[in-house]
Amino acid sequence: AMAALLVTLGVMSVILGMAMPVWRTVVQREKEEELIFRGRQYARAIQLYQRKFAATFPASVDVLVEQRFLRKKYTDPMTTGGEFEILYQGTLAQRQAASMAGRGAASPGQVAGSGRGGSAGLSVTTPGSPFGSQTTGPQGGVVGVASKSKEKSLRILDGRTTYNEWQFIWTAPQTMRPGQ
């Protein structure tokens, strides 16, 4: 009986050892789905805000919650702290300029010393950008959110493979004028 018990425990430990990686993958996929859902809720709330307030961006996420465009302030499921990185007009323009500069292209509209820690406090917005040129404070209005996690994702979202690259942004659809 004792030998049968030891063999059973050995078999169960091997099975559990094989199941753990599968279980971790399932949990990570569920967190990714939750991240996408929550990020899209933020983008949808910004869309509703823009519909009501003539294509302006909200000053903060708290405004979206207070005015009931967003049910609650969602947490980032991929990080332990749970806070999303808030993307403002200025920081988004800086991210786009940095990614373009990393590819060897020129970065139009970039202002030196205008990062988050910049002393100038200027926002980097390019006129005619899809995010508008209005600003609210030094960084402009909230255009979306992104995860703070730098981990590699299982899923590829819009060609991005790390969670902090997944940006959930509302961009107004471009309308064609007659004759274009």
Foldseek 3Di string as FASTA:
>chain_A
DVVVVVVVVVVVVVVVVVCVVVVVLVVQVVLVVVQVVLQQLQQQLQVVVCVVVVLFFAADVVVSCVVVSHVDQFFRSVDPVRHWAFAFQQNVLVVVQVVCVVVVHHRPQDDPQCPPPRPVLAGRHDDPDLNHDDADGSHRHTFGTFHPFQDFGPDQDPNDGGRRPDTRGHGDDDDDDPPD
